[in-house]
Amino acid sequence: MTLPKKKITVYLYTFLFVAMSGNALFSLSGDSSKYIFIAFVLLLVAKHHTYFNINKGIIYYRFFAFYALIFLFQKLVLGYVSFPSTIAFMARITLGYIIIRYVGHNFKYAFFQIIFIVSLVSLFGFAWNSLGQNIPPLYYTPPTDPYFDNSGRNIILYHQNGPGHRNSGMFWEPGAFACYICLAFLFYIGNIRTLLKHHKWKVIIILIALITTYSTTGYIVLFIIGIATIYIEYKKKYGAFVLPILITFGLIAYITYENTDFMKEKMNDQVAAASKRDEGEFAPDRMSALLFDLHYIGKHPLVGNGYDVSTRFADHPALQKEVLGHGNGFSDFLASMGILSFLFYLFYIVRYNKNHPAIFVICIIFLLQGEPLLNYPLFLCLPFVFIYDENNRRTDNLPQ
């Protein structure tokens, strides 16, 4: 049986979009790779030029104009804006617009299928690493941290982070993989039972992959999704019995938190370490990064401090010479792009998401506490997913 051309393109576009949102092989860290990425986006613009008709592309032009104004005001306030970073940011918006508009209401299901395939492959890779073996990489990145092995061995659908004791899927680190798995479920908030009915084994495999990430953020958001699903989808069917079910689920969550070092101990250690740091001292854990970023959020709250290190860390020149890993994607985005950018982002999610937008937004904010997800096209362009979703409640919506 041959797949229709439309279906192949839907999966190909979705996979490339996901890969460009955190796969090391598709990294956009250097200026040269940014220009390659921009060239790829321009090819898509040429192929889908009808999407940029003034009338048909009005949504895109709203986003483009808003962020262009943000960068203009940054230029006026800060005196300097990085040209490559600005163009790359606009290119990420353009890429998301093109792919999500093309895939349309199929995007949620196509994304779920991609996450399933990545999860399945990752479990084999994780099992191989558990036996003390390294995968033979197509692309290898040597370690950059003097204290632990953060090297990468990439075979496209699987990325071994360091020795591979935690499952990274095809993303740069385990926490990022957990975030993308949670997003796949968040797309179906209010319809998880339907997803289970049609794709039970796929859901189980994805959940096992999430468990093997040992991600604090991923576990917390999974618990929120679980509680929301029990309350939303089982309340009518089980009535008063929902309360004891919720209490039981909450107890399981509490016991898990109390008895796993990577949750309770990790969070307690981060809070303690952050409270002992001197004012203005940077560290890449989420609490220390948040406290550090408050200075820059307060400095330019509306438009942010930009992405270039000379303005982003203007008051800490010593940090401008270092390669920093940022542990809090939420505060990092507010400090870089300002509160107005984040409110604009949330406005379109809440306006067009018809399936429990409050829960979705709360979970996204939780996910951002762990990873700089808004630096990547997929999370940055989430509003387009809901804008071009013709029917938010469909589950089996990919053309057969």
Protein backbone atom coordinates (compact mmCIF):
# COMPACT_ATOMS: atom_id res chain seq x y z
CA MET A 1 0.00 0.00 0.00
CA THR A 2 1.45 3.41 -0.99
CA LEU A 3 0.89 6.49 1.11
CA PRO A 4 -0.76 9.50 -0.57
CA LYS A 5 1.68 12.29 -1.42
CA LYS A 6 -0.22 14.70 0.87
CA LYS A 7 0.16 12.33 3.82
CA ILE A 8 3.89 11.87 3.24
CA THR A 9 4.38 15.63 3.06
CA VAL A 10 2.37 16.14 6.26
CA TYR A 11 4.63 13.76 8.18
CA LEU A 12 7.82 15.06 6.54
CA TYR A 13 6.97 18.68 7.33
CA THR A 14 5.97 17.82 10.90
CA PHE A 15 9.12 15.79 11.49
CA LEU A 16 11.39 18.54 10.14
CA PHE A 17 9.55 21.09 12.26
CA VAL A 18 10.04 18.98 15.40
CA ALA A 19 13.68 18.20 14.52
CA MET A 20 14.45 21.89 14.03
CA SER A 21 13.03 22.46 17.50
CA GLY A 22 15.76 20.69 19.44
CA ASN A 23 17.55 17.91 17.56
CA ALA A 24 21.33 18.45 17.78
CA LEU A 25 21.78 17.48 14.12
CA PHE A 26 19.59 20.46 13.19
CA SER A 27 21.22 22.85 15.67
CA LEU A 28 20.89 26.60 15.02
CA SER A 29 23.52 27.69 17.53
CA GLY A 30 26.06 29.32 15.20
CA ASP A 31 25.63 32.21 12.77
CA SER A 32 26.41 29.98 9.75
CA SER A 33 23.74 27.45 10.72
CA LYS A 34 21.29 30.33 11.21
CA TYR A 35 21.86 31.43 7.61
CA ILE A 36 21.35 27.85 6.37
CA PHE A 37 18.12 27.73 8.33
CA ILE A 38 17.02 31.08 6.87
CA ALA A 39 17.79 29.81 3.34
CA PHE A 40 15.61 26.74 3.99
CA VAL A 41 12.75 28.94 5.21
CA LEU A 42 13.05 31.12 2.08
CA LEU A 43 12.70 27.99 -0.06
CA LEU A 44 9.49 27.16 1.79
CA VAL A 45 8.28 30.74 1.32
CA ALA A 46 8.83 30.37 -2.44
CA LYS A 47 7.01 27.02 -2.51
CA HIS A 48 4.06 28.28 -0.46
CA HIS A 49 4.03 31.87 -1.69
CA THR A 50 0.22 31.94 -1.80
CA TYR A 51 0.20 31.83 2.02
CA PHE A 52 1.63 35.35 1.96
CA ASN A 53 -1.20 36.97 0.06
CA ILE A 54 -2.16 40.08 2.05
CA ASN A 55 -5.69 38.85 2.73
CA LYS A 56 -4.89 35.17 3.31
CA GLY A 57 -1.79 35.85 5.38
CA ILE A 58 -3.18 38.53 7.68
CA ILE A 59 -2.56 36.39 10.81
CA TYR A 60 1.09 35.94 9.87
CA TYR A 61 1.53 39.67 9.21
CA ARG A 62 0.10 40.48 12.64
CA PHE A 63 2.78 38.31 14.26
CA PHE A 64 5.50 39.63 11.97
CA ALA A 65 4.53 43.27 12.59
CA PHE A 66 4.28 42.82 16.35
CA TYR A 67 7.72 41.24 16.75
CA ALA A 68 9.22 43.68 14.25
CA LEU A 69 7.99 46.49 16.52
CA ILE A 70 9.50 44.75 19.56
CA PHE A 71 12.90 44.58 17.84
CA LEU A 72 12.55 48.20 16.67
CA PHE A 73 11.90 49.38 20.23
CA GLN A 74 14.81 47.25 21.45
CA LYS A 75 17.01 49.07 18.95
CA LEU A 76 15.77 52.42 20.24
CA VAL A 77 16.04 51.49 23.94
CA LEU A 78 19.14 49.30 23.94
CA GLY A 79 21.02 50.94 21.09
CA TYR A 80 21.85 47.60 19.46
CA VAL A 81 20.00 44.55 18.15
CA SER A 82 21.73 41.49 16.69
CA PHE A 83 20.81 41.27 12.99
CA PRO A 84 21.37 37.47 12.65
CA SER A 85 19.34 36.77 15.81
CA THR A 86 16.50 39.04 14.66
CA ILE A 87 16.31 37.44 11.22
CA ALA A 88 16.55 33.94 12.74
CA PHE A 89 13.68 34.76 15.14
CA MET A 90 11.49 35.99 12.27
CA ALA A 91 12.49 32.91 10.26
CA ARG A 92 11.28 30.66 13.11
CA ILE A 93 7.93 32.45 13.09
CA THR A 94 7.74 32.09 9.29
CA LEU A 95 8.68 28.39 9.38
CA GLY A 96 6.00 27.65 11.96
CA TYR A 97 3.38 29.60 10.04
CA ILE A 98 4.07 27.76 6.77
CA ILE A 99 4.23 24.25 8.21
CA ILE A 100 1.32 24.57 10.62
CA ARG A 101 -0.86 26.25 8.01
CA TYR A 102 -0.04 23.49 5.49
CA VAL A 103 -0.68 20.67 7.96
CA GLY A 104 -3.72 22.45 9.44
CA HIS A 105 -5.93 20.51 11.84
CA ASN A 106 -3.80 17.43 11.12
CA PHE A 107 -0.89 18.90 13.08
CA LYS A 108 -1.83 17.61 16.55
CA TYR A 109 -2.25 14.05 15.34
CA ALA A 110 0.84 14.14 13.10
CA PHE A 111 2.87 15.48 16.05
CA PHE A 112 1.53 12.68 18.27
CA GLN A 113 2.62 10.11 15.69
CA ILE A 114 6.11 11.62 15.41
CA ILE A 115 6.48 11.60 19.21
CA PHE A 116 5.37 7.94 19.25
CA ILE A 117 8.01 6.95 16.68
CA VAL A 118 10.71 8.91 18.52
CA SER A 119 9.62 7.35 21.84
CA LEU A 120 9.73 3.83 20.41
CA VAL A 121 13.21 4.31 18.95
CA SER A 122 14.41 6.02 22.12
CA LEU A 123 13.45 3.05 24.29
CA PHE A 124 15.75 0.81 22.23
CA GLY A 125 18.54 3.40 22.48
CA PHE A 126 17.96 3.85 26.21
CA ALA A 127 18.01 0.07 26.74
CA TRP A 128 21.28 -0.16 24.79
CA ASN A 129 22.80 2.60 26.95
CA SER A 130 21.55 0.82 30.10
CA LEU A 131 23.71 -2.14 29.09
CA GLY A 132 26.71 0.18 29.22
CA GLN A 133 26.97 0.60 25.45
CA ASN A 134 27.23 3.82 23.42
CA ILE A 135 25.28 4.13 20.20
CA PRO A 136 27.38 4.51 17.01
CA PRO A 137 26.68 8.17 16.16
CA LEU A 138 26.06 9.82 12.82
CA TYR A 139 26.93 13.10 14.51
CA TYR A 140 29.06 13.49 17.66
CA THR A 141 29.45 16.55 19.86
CA PRO A 142 32.31 16.42 22.40
CA PRO A 143 31.68 17.37 26.06
CA THR A 144 31.93 21.07 26.91
CA ASP A 145 31.37 20.90 30.68
CA PRO A 146 34.49 20.19 32.79
CA TYR A 147 32.43 18.61 35.60
CA PHE A 148 30.30 16.03 33.80
CA ASP A 149 29.88 14.36 30.43
CA ASN A 150 27.42 16.36 28.32
CA SER A 151 28.59 14.95 24.99
CA GLY A 152 26.06 13.99 22.33
CA ARG A 153 25.78 10.96 20.07
CA ASN A 154 23.08 11.53 17.47
CA ILE A 155 21.40 9.10 15.05
CA ILE A 156 18.62 11.57 14.11
CA LEU A 157 15.73 9.75 15.85
CA TYR A 158 17.77 9.25 19.02
CA HIS A 159 20.27 11.48 20.79
CA GLN A 160 22.41 9.96 23.51
CA ASN A 161 23.15 12.69 26.05
CA GLY A 162 26.38 11.85 27.89
CA PRO A 163 26.40 8.20 29.00
CA GLY A 164 22.65 7.94 28.31
CA HIS A 165 21.48 7.26 31.88
CA ARG A 166 18.35 9.30 31.06
CA ASN A 167 16.31 9.16 27.87
CA SER A 168 16.72 12.25 25.68
CA GLY A 169 14.69 11.01 22.72
CA MET A 170 15.99 12.92 19.72
CA PHE A 171 16.36 16.17 21.66
CA TRP A 172 19.27 17.96 23.28
CA GLU A 173 18.55 16.65 26.79
CA PRO A 174 16.02 14.50 28.71
CA GLY A 175 14.04 17.42 30.11
CA ALA A 176 13.40 18.72 26.59
CA PHE A 177 12.14 15.30 25.46
CA ALA A 178 9.77 15.21 28.45
CA CYS A 179 8.43 18.65 27.48
CA TYR A 180 7.63 17.56 23.92
CA ILE A 181 5.94 14.39 25.17
CA CYS A 182 3.80 16.45 27.56
CA LEU A 183 2.89 18.78 24.69
CA ALA A 184 1.60 15.81 22.68
CA PHE A 185 -0.82 15.03 25.53
CA LEU A 186 -1.68 18.69 26.18
CA PHE A 187 -3.00 18.95 22.62
CA TYR A 188 -5.66 16.41 23.65
CA ILE A 189 -6.69 17.76 27.04
CA GLY A 190 -10.39 16.89 27.36
CA ASN A 191 -10.01 14.08 24.80
CA ILE A 192 -7.44 11.81 26.46
CA ARG A 193 -10.00 8.98 26.77
CA THR A 194 -10.60 9.09 23.01
CA LEU A 195 -6.85 9.09 22.40
CA LEU A 196 -6.50 6.02 24.66
CA LYS A 197 -9.39 4.27 22.94
CA HIS A 198 -7.81 4.55 19.48
CA HIS A 199 -4.10 4.51 20.38
CA LYS A 200 -3.73 2.70 23.73
CA TRP A 201 -0.39 1.01 23.00
CA LYS A 202 1.11 4.13 21.49
CA VAL A 203 0.12 6.12 24.59
CA ILE A 204 1.68 3.44 26.84
CA ILE A 205 4.96 3.50 24.89
CA ILE A 206 5.07 7.31 25.02
CA LEU A 207 4.41 7.24 28.78
CA ILE A 208 7.22 4.71 29.33
CA ALA A 209 9.54 7.00 27.35
CA LEU A 210 8.48 9.93 29.57
CA ILE A 211 9.20 7.91 32.71
CA THR A 212 12.73 7.10 31.45
CA THR A 213 13.54 10.82 31.09
CA TYR A 214 13.51 11.18 34.90
CA SER A 215 12.47 14.78 34.31
CA THR A 216 11.08 16.67 37.31
CA THR A 217 9.23 19.12 35.07
CA GLY A 218 7.85 16.33 32.88
CA TYR A 219 6.54 14.38 35.88
CA ILE A 220 4.87 17.45 37.41
CA VAL A 221 3.10 18.36 34.17
CA LEU A 222 2.07 14.74 33.64
CA PHE A 223 0.46 14.78 37.11
CA ILE A 224 -1.40 17.99 36.21
CA ILE A 225 -2.62 16.40 32.96
CA GLY A 226 -3.70 13.30 34.87
CA ILE A 227 -5.66 15.25 37.49
CA ALA A 228 -7.28 17.44 34.82
CA THR A 229 -8.24 14.36 32.76
CA ILE A 230 -9.84 12.60 35.74
CA TYR A 231 -11.83 15.69 36.67
CA ILE A 232 -12.86 16.73 33.14
CA GLU A 233 -13.50 13.38 31.48
CA TYR A 234 -14.67 11.14 34.33
CA LYS A 235 -16.72 13.53 36.47
CA LYS A 236 -20.01 12.92 34.62
CA LYS A 237 -19.52 9.16 34.39
CA TYR A 238 -18.45 8.48 37.98
CA GLY A 239 -19.94 11.48 39.80
CA ALA A 240 -19.08 11.46 43.51
CA PHE A 241 -16.50 8.70 42.97
CA VAL A 242 -14.25 11.16 41.15
CA LEU A 243 -13.20 12.77 44.45
CA PRO A 244 -11.63 9.62 45.97
CA ILE A 245 -10.02 8.87 42.59
CA LEU A 246 -8.48 12.36 42.59
CA ILE A 247 -7.32 11.92 46.19
CA THR A 248 -5.73 8.56 45.32
CA PHE A 249 -4.01 10.05 42.29
CA GLY A 250 -2.79 12.95 44.40
CA LEU A 251 -1.38 10.55 47.01
CA ILE A 252 0.47 8.63 44.30
CA ALA A 253 1.91 11.92 43.05
CA TYR A 254 2.96 12.91 46.58
CA ILE A 255 4.57 9.52 47.32
CA THR A 256 6.42 9.69 44.01
CA TYR A 257 7.69 13.17 44.84
CA GLU A 258 8.80 12.18 48.35
CA ASN A 259 10.61 9.03 47.26
CA THR A 260 12.47 10.12 44.13
CA ASP A 261 15.80 11.91 44.55
CA PHE A 262 15.56 13.67 41.19
CA MET A 263 12.31 15.39 42.27
CA LYS A 264 12.25 16.35 45.96
CA GLU A 265 15.99 16.39 46.60
CA LYS A 266 16.76 18.14 43.33
CA MET A 267 14.17 20.85 43.91
CA ASN A 268 15.21 21.36 47.53
CA ASP A 269 18.87 21.58 46.52
CA GLN A 270 18.11 24.15 43.81
CA VAL A 271 16.06 26.33 46.17
CA ALA A 272 18.78 26.14 48.84
CA ALA A 273 21.56 26.90 46.36
CA ALA A 274 19.64 29.84 44.85
CA SER A 275 19.01 31.36 48.29
CA LYS A 276 22.75 31.29 49.09
CA ARG A 277 23.93 32.94 45.88
CA ASP A 278 25.07 36.54 45.92
CA GLU A 279 22.90 39.11 44.16
CA GLY A 280 23.70 39.08 40.43
CA GLU A 281 25.42 35.69 40.56
CA PHE A 282 24.41 33.44 37.66
CA ALA A 283 23.91 29.67 37.73
CA PRO A 284 22.12 27.51 35.13
CA ASP A 285 19.60 25.82 37.48
CA ARG A 286 16.00 27.03 37.18
CA MET A 287 15.73 28.85 40.54
CA SER A 288 19.09 30.63 40.32
CA ALA A 289 18.40 31.60 36.69
CA LEU A 290 14.98 32.98 37.66
CA LEU A 291 16.42 35.13 40.45
CA PHE A 292 19.20 36.33 38.16
CA ASP A 293 16.76 37.23 35.36
CA LEU A 294 14.58 39.33 37.65
CA HIS A 295 17.21 42.06 37.40
CA TYR A 296 16.92 42.21 33.59
CA ILE A 297 13.13 41.79 33.58
CA GLY A 298 12.91 44.80 35.89
CA LYS A 299 15.41 46.73 33.80
CA HIS A 300 13.38 46.57 30.55
CA PRO A 301 10.09 44.85 31.44
CA LEU A 302 8.08 45.67 28.30
CA VAL A 303 10.44 45.01 25.38
CA GLY A 304 13.20 42.99 27.01
CA ASN A 305 16.97 43.10 26.60
CA GLY A 306 17.33 41.29 23.28
CA TYR A 307 19.22 38.10 22.44
CA ASP A 308 22.71 39.47 21.93
CA VAL A 309 24.94 38.92 24.97
CA SER A 310 26.09 42.56 24.92
CA THR A 311 22.55 43.73 25.78
CA ARG A 312 21.10 40.57 27.39
CA PHE A 313 23.90 40.58 30.02
CA ALA A 314 24.82 44.26 29.77
CA ASP A 315 25.32 44.64 33.53
CA HIS A 316 27.40 41.45 33.82
CA PRO A 317 30.20 41.80 31.24
CA ALA A 318 32.08 38.76 32.58
CA LEU A 319 29.17 36.53 31.53
CA GLN A 320 29.31 37.82 27.96
CA LYS A 321 32.47 35.80 27.35
CA GLU A 322 31.01 32.53 28.65
CA VAL A 323 28.82 29.91 26.98
CA LEU A 324 25.86 29.84 29.36
CA GLY A 325 23.30 27.10 29.71
CA HIS A 326 20.07 28.75 30.82
CA GLY A 327 17.93 26.76 33.24
CA ASN A 328 14.69 28.77 33.13
CA GLY A 329 13.09 29.29 29.73
CA PHE A 330 10.25 31.37 31.19
CA SER A 331 12.35 34.07 32.82
CA ASP A 332 14.86 33.94 29.94
CA PHE A 333 12.14 34.80 27.40
CA LEU A 334 10.75 37.60 29.59
CA ALA A 335 14.25 39.04 30.05
CA SER A 336 15.05 38.73 26.32
CA MET A 337 11.76 39.64 24.61
CA GLY A 338 9.79 41.38 27.35
CA ILE A 339 6.44 40.88 29.03
CA LEU A 340 4.52 42.31 26.05
CA SER A 341 5.81 39.52 23.79
CA PHE A 342 4.71 36.84 26.24
CA LEU A 343 1.27 38.40 26.71
CA PHE A 344 0.86 38.60 22.93
CA TYR A 345 1.80 34.91 22.72
CA LEU A 346 -0.67 33.91 25.45
CA PHE A 347 -3.47 36.02 23.99
CA TYR A 348 -3.59 34.04 20.76
CA ILE A 349 -3.34 30.69 22.55
CA VAL A 350 -6.22 31.52 24.89
CA ARG A 351 -8.33 33.09 22.14
CA TYR A 352 -8.13 30.18 19.70
CA ASN A 353 -7.65 27.15 21.97
CA LYS A 354 -11.16 25.84 22.63
CA ASN A 355 -10.11 22.91 24.82
CA HIS A 356 -9.42 24.12 28.37
CA PRO A 357 -6.94 26.91 27.53
CA ALA A 358 -6.29 27.74 31.20
CA ILE A 359 -4.90 24.25 31.88
CA PHE A 360 -2.87 24.39 28.67
CA VAL A 361 -1.31 27.76 29.59
CA ILE A 362 -0.52 26.68 33.17
CA CYS A 363 1.24 23.56 31.87
CA ILE A 364 3.19 25.53 29.24
CA ILE A 365 4.44 27.92 31.95
CA PHE A 366 5.52 24.91 34.04
CA LEU A 367 7.34 23.40 31.05
CA LEU A 368 9.13 26.69 30.42
CA GLN A 369 10.55 26.63 33.95
CA GLY A 370 12.86 23.83 32.88
CA GLU A 371 13.81 24.49 29.27
CA PRO A 372 14.27 27.49 26.89
CA LEU A 373 11.49 26.13 24.66
CA LEU A 374 10.51 29.51 23.19
CA ASN A 375 13.92 29.67 21.54
CA TYR A 376 12.71 26.91 19.22
CA PRO A 377 10.14 27.11 16.40
CA LEU A 378 7.54 24.64 17.67
CA PHE A 379 6.77 26.17 21.06
CA LEU A 380 7.22 29.69 19.71
CA CYS A 381 4.57 29.02 17.06
CA LEU A 382 1.99 27.22 19.24
CA PRO A 383 -0.63 29.96 18.60
CA PHE A 384 -0.69 28.95 14.92
CA VAL A 385 -1.60 25.36 15.89
CA PHE A 386 -4.88 26.57 17.37
CA ILE A 387 -5.52 29.26 14.78
CA TYR A 388 -5.33 26.71 11.94
CA ASP A 389 -7.02 23.85 13.80
CA GLU A 390 -10.38 23.66 12.03
CA ASN A 391 -11.86 21.39 14.68
CA ASN A 392 -10.18 21.33 18.08
CA ARG A 393 -12.05 18.25 19.22
CA ARG A 394 -11.02 15.83 16.47
CA THR A 395 -8.60 13.09 17.40
CA ASP A 396 -8.29 10.82 14.36
CA ASN A 397 -7.89 13.64 11.90
CA LEU A 398 -5.05 12.67 9.56
CA PRO A 399 -6.17 11.88 5.98
CA GLN A 400 -6.39 8.12 5.42
